Amino acid sequence: MLRLTQQLDTEFDYNGNFLPLNLAFDNILRLFDLFADKTIRADWKVDIACEMLINEYEIVKEADIYEKNELLLFILKEFIQLDLSEEKSSDGEGASTRSFDFEKDAGMIYASFMSVYNMDLFEQQGKLHFLKFMQLLEHIDDNSKIKEVIRIRTEPLPKPDKHNKAERERLQKLKSMYSLEKDMTEEEQQEKLSQQFNQLGSFFGK
């Protein structure tokens, strides 16, 4: 939880050694890309993820893969509020259609941060903590481009009547224009949403 009275933790004690972490938003987004990559084995993902997150990786390099997996789950849960074990146990229940995508909406996110916060996200790479980035994104001005597109994606089509044909056509056109998954069903979208978070858990749950 983000507390204004405390600094964000960026290190932890591991067997008497304090391990500093790289929790910059761009590093965490690359981590999500790693999780979503189906060409990389789950055990390799654990090793790569630990090396990405832990600045002094040499200290944990010789740990076995199961210990590294526990370290990874701990870091994600305690430092960026992402509980992979919870994602696995939920079995996809409660998933919803995505309203934004870090990769496909990168330009709109960048432009919105510049417009609202006068913040250049390229200049913030390696600096801006992921939790700060997410709070800024979640609460960005409703008039920003990214919030406008999210509203279009999530707004339900009104039930057809004799008065709203033009409005329905307008909204359908906008939804098609900004669709994230033009060729996928809603069930497939939900599966893709949870897939990147449960691959690691399923592998180590064997």
Protein backbone atom coordinates (compact mmCIF):
# COMPACT_ATOMS: atom_id res chain seq x y z
CA MET A 1 0.00 0.00 0.00
CA LEU A 2 1.23 3.47 -0.88
CA ARG A 3 1.66 5.60 2.25
CA LEU A 4 2.56 9.28 2.06
CA THR A 5 4.23 9.07 5.48
CA GLN A 6 6.72 6.40 4.40
CA GLN A 7 9.29 5.99 1.67
CA LEU A 8 8.73 3.14 -0.76
CA ASP A 9 10.88 0.14 0.13
CA THR A 10 13.38 -0.81 -2.54
CA GLU A 11 15.51 -3.39 -0.70
CA PHE A 12 15.19 -6.34 1.65
CA ASP A 13 17.32 -8.55 3.88
CA TYR A 14 18.29 -11.88 2.35
CA ASN A 15 20.40 -14.09 4.61
CA GLY A 16 22.09 -11.06 6.16
CA ASN A 17 22.58 -9.24 2.86
CA PHE A 18 20.48 -6.24 1.87
CA LEU A 19 19.42 -6.68 -1.74
CA PRO A 20 18.54 -3.45 -3.61
CA LEU A 21 15.81 -3.82 -6.21
CA ASN A 22 15.17 -2.24 -9.60
CA LEU A 23 11.49 -1.32 -9.34
CA ALA A 24 11.46 1.36 -12.03
CA PHE A 25 8.24 1.26 -14.06
CA ASP A 26 10.02 0.47 -17.33
CA ASN A 27 11.79 -2.50 -15.76
CA ILE A 28 8.51 -3.88 -14.40
CA LEU A 29 6.83 -3.46 -17.79
CA ARG A 30 9.67 -5.45 -19.37
CA LEU A 31 9.08 -8.05 -16.66
CA PHE A 32 5.43 -8.33 -17.75
CA ASP A 33 6.63 -8.84 -21.32
CA LEU A 34 8.87 -11.65 -20.06
CA PHE A 35 5.97 -13.34 -18.26
CA ALA A 36 3.83 -13.17 -21.40
CA ASP A 37 6.51 -14.65 -23.68
CA LYS A 38 5.46 -18.23 -24.45
CA THR A 39 8.81 -19.04 -26.08
CA ILE A 40 10.68 -18.94 -22.74
CA ARG A 41 10.51 -21.81 -20.26
CA ALA A 42 8.94 -21.01 -16.87
CA ASP A 43 12.12 -21.88 -14.92
CA TRP A 44 14.17 -19.63 -17.19
CA LYS A 45 11.67 -16.83 -16.61
CA VAL A 46 12.26 -17.12 -12.87
CA ASP A 47 16.01 -16.81 -13.30
CA ILE A 48 15.75 -13.91 -15.75
CA ALA A 49 13.16 -12.12 -13.62
CA CYS A 50 15.34 -12.34 -10.51
CA GLU A 51 18.29 -10.95 -12.43
CA MET A 52 16.14 -8.09 -13.74
CA LEU A 53 14.79 -7.19 -10.30
CA ILE A 54 17.76 -7.76 -7.99
CA ASN A 55 20.61 -5.32 -8.57
CA GLU A 56 23.13 -7.51 -6.74
CA TYR A 57 22.02 -10.71 -8.41
CA GLU A 58 25.38 -12.40 -7.78
CA ILE A 59 24.34 -12.87 -4.14
CA VAL A 60 21.43 -15.14 -5.12
CA LYS A 61 22.83 -16.53 -8.37
CA GLU A 62 23.73 -19.93 -6.89
CA ALA A 63 20.36 -20.44 -5.17
CA ASP A 64 18.28 -23.26 -6.64
CA ILE A 65 15.36 -22.46 -8.90
CA TYR A 66 12.73 -23.12 -6.21
CA GLU A 67 14.33 -20.66 -3.82
CA LYS A 68 14.55 -18.11 -6.63
CA ASN A 69 10.88 -18.68 -7.35
CA GLU A 70 10.02 -17.95 -3.71
CA LEU A 71 12.17 -14.83 -3.86
CA LEU A 72 10.41 -13.68 -7.02
CA LEU A 73 6.94 -14.24 -5.56
CA PHE A 74 7.98 -12.37 -2.41
CA ILE A 75 9.36 -9.38 -4.34
CA LEU A 76 6.32 -9.07 -6.58
CA LYS A 77 3.85 -9.34 -3.69
CA GLU A 78 5.64 -7.15 -1.17
CA PHE A 79 7.09 -4.48 -3.43
CA ILE A 80 4.71 -4.04 -6.39
CA GLN A 81 1.52 -5.56 -4.91
CA LEU A 82 1.27 -8.37 -7.46
CA ASP A 83 0.33 -11.71 -5.92
CA LEU A 84 0.97 -14.47 -8.48
CA SER A 85 -0.20 -17.17 -6.11
CA GLU A 86 -3.54 -15.37 -5.83
CA GLU A 87 -3.77 -15.12 -9.62
CA LYS A 88 -3.28 -18.86 -9.84
CA SER A 89 -5.79 -19.77 -7.13
CA SER A 90 -8.49 -17.53 -8.60
CA ASP A 91 -8.43 -19.73 -11.74
CA GLY A 92 -9.43 -16.78 -13.90
CA GLU A 93 -12.61 -16.04 -11.95
CA GLY A 94 -13.59 -12.40 -11.99
CA ALA A 95 -11.47 -11.60 -15.05
CA SER A 96 -12.76 -8.81 -17.20
CA THR A 97 -12.10 -7.42 -20.64
CA ARG A 98 -8.94 -5.36 -20.64
CA SER A 99 -9.40 -1.61 -20.80
CA PHE A 100 -5.81 -0.75 -21.72
CA ASP A 101 -2.58 -2.36 -22.83
CA PHE A 102 0.86 -1.08 -21.83
CA GLU A 103 2.35 -1.97 -25.22
CA LYS A 104 -0.45 -1.04 -27.63
CA ASP A 105 -1.41 2.11 -25.72
CA ALA A 106 2.16 3.24 -25.06
CA GLY A 107 1.84 6.33 -27.25
CA MET A 108 -1.40 7.45 -25.59
CA ILE A 109 0.00 6.82 -22.10
CA TYR A 110 3.13 8.80 -22.94
CA ALA A 111 1.16 11.69 -24.45
CA SER A 112 -1.28 11.75 -21.53
CA PHE A 113 1.53 11.94 -18.97
CA MET A 114 3.12 14.78 -20.91
CA SER A 115 -0.18 16.65 -21.22
CA VAL A 116 -1.42 16.20 -17.65
CA TYR A 117 1.79 15.97 -15.59
CA ASN A 118 4.34 17.53 -17.96
CA MET A 119 6.27 14.32 -17.38
CA ASP A 120 8.39 12.71 -20.09
CA LEU A 121 8.24 8.97 -19.37
CA PHE A 122 11.37 8.35 -21.42
CA GLU A 123 13.27 10.65 -19.07
CA GLN A 124 11.75 8.79 -16.10
CA GLN A 125 13.02 5.38 -17.20
CA GLY A 126 15.15 3.88 -14.44
CA LYS A 127 13.80 6.47 -11.97
CA LEU A 128 10.02 6.42 -11.51
CA HIS A 129 8.90 3.65 -9.14
CA PHE A 130 6.29 1.33 -10.64
CA LEU A 131 3.79 1.98 -7.83
CA LYS A 132 4.06 5.75 -8.38
CA PHE A 133 3.61 5.24 -12.11
CA MET A 134 0.49 3.15 -11.56
CA GLN A 135 -1.05 5.68 -9.17
CA LEU A 136 -0.44 8.47 -11.68
CA LEU A 137 -1.92 6.37 -14.48
CA GLU A 138 -4.95 5.24 -12.49
CA HIS A 139 -5.83 8.77 -11.39
CA ILE A 140 -4.87 10.66 -14.53
CA ASP A 141 -7.25 13.42 -15.63
CA ASP A 142 -10.53 12.20 -17.10
CA ASN A 143 -9.96 14.47 -20.10
CA SER A 144 -6.68 12.77 -21.03
CA LYS A 145 -6.55 10.70 -24.22
CA ILE A 146 -5.91 7.41 -22.43
CA LYS A 147 -8.94 7.92 -20.14
CA GLU A 148 -11.09 8.84 -23.15
CA VAL A 149 -10.13 5.60 -24.90
CA ILE A 150 -10.67 3.53 -21.74
CA ARG A 151 -14.17 4.97 -21.48
CA ILE A 152 -14.88 4.01 -25.08
CA ARG A 153 -13.66 0.45 -24.52
CA THR A 154 -15.61 -0.08 -21.31
CA GLU A 155 -18.82 1.78 -22.06
CA PRO A 156 -21.61 -0.73 -22.81
CA LEU A 157 -23.57 -0.32 -25.99
CA PRO A 158 -27.05 1.00 -25.19
CA LYS A 159 -29.93 -1.31 -26.00
CA PRO A 160 -31.21 -0.49 -29.48
CA ASP A 161 -34.33 1.61 -29.79
CA LYS A 162 -35.81 3.88 -32.45
CA HIS A 163 -33.89 6.89 -31.15
CA ASN A 164 -30.30 5.70 -30.69
CA LYS A 165 -29.27 4.05 -33.96
CA ALA A 166 -26.78 6.80 -34.79
CA GLU A 167 -25.31 6.79 -31.27
CA ARG A 168 -24.88 3.01 -31.31
CA GLU A 169 -23.17 3.14 -34.70
CA ARG A 170 -20.87 5.92 -33.49
CA LEU A 171 -19.89 4.01 -30.35
CA GLN A 172 -19.44 0.73 -32.25
CA LYS A 173 -17.14 2.47 -34.71
CA LEU A 174 -15.05 3.93 -31.87
CA LYS A 175 -14.91 0.57 -30.08
CA SER A 176 -13.70 -1.07 -33.27
CA MET A 177 -11.12 1.68 -33.81
CA TYR A 178 -9.64 1.29 -30.31
CA SER A 179 -10.19 -2.43 -29.86
CA LEU A 180 -7.30 -4.29 -28.25
CA GLU A 181 -8.36 -7.72 -29.45
CA LYS A 182 -10.15 -7.36 -32.76
CA ASP A 183 -9.87 -11.07 -33.58
CA MET A 184 -10.42 -12.58 -30.13
CA THR A 185 -13.56 -13.46 -28.19
CA GLU A 186 -14.13 -12.10 -24.69
CA GLU A 187 -13.27 -15.50 -23.20
CA GLU A 188 -9.98 -15.50 -25.12
CA GLN A 189 -9.24 -11.97 -23.90
CA GLN A 190 -9.81 -13.06 -20.30
CA GLU A 191 -7.60 -16.09 -20.77
CA LYS A 192 -4.82 -13.93 -22.20
CA LEU A 193 -5.15 -11.49 -19.30
CA SER A 194 -4.57 -14.15 -16.65
CA GLN A 195 -2.15 -16.30 -18.64
CA GLN A 196 0.93 -14.17 -18.12
CA PHE A 197 0.42 -14.24 -14.34
CA ASN A 198 -0.26 -17.94 -13.76
CA GLN A 199 2.40 -19.59 -15.94
CA LEU A 200 5.03 -19.44 -13.21
CA GLY A 201 2.65 -20.61 -10.49
CA SER A 202 1.44 -23.55 -12.53
CA PHE A 203 4.97 -24.67 -13.30
CA PHE A 204 6.10 -24.65 -9.68
CA GLY A 205 2.82 -26.11 -8.47
CA LYS A 206 3.61 -29.44 -10.10
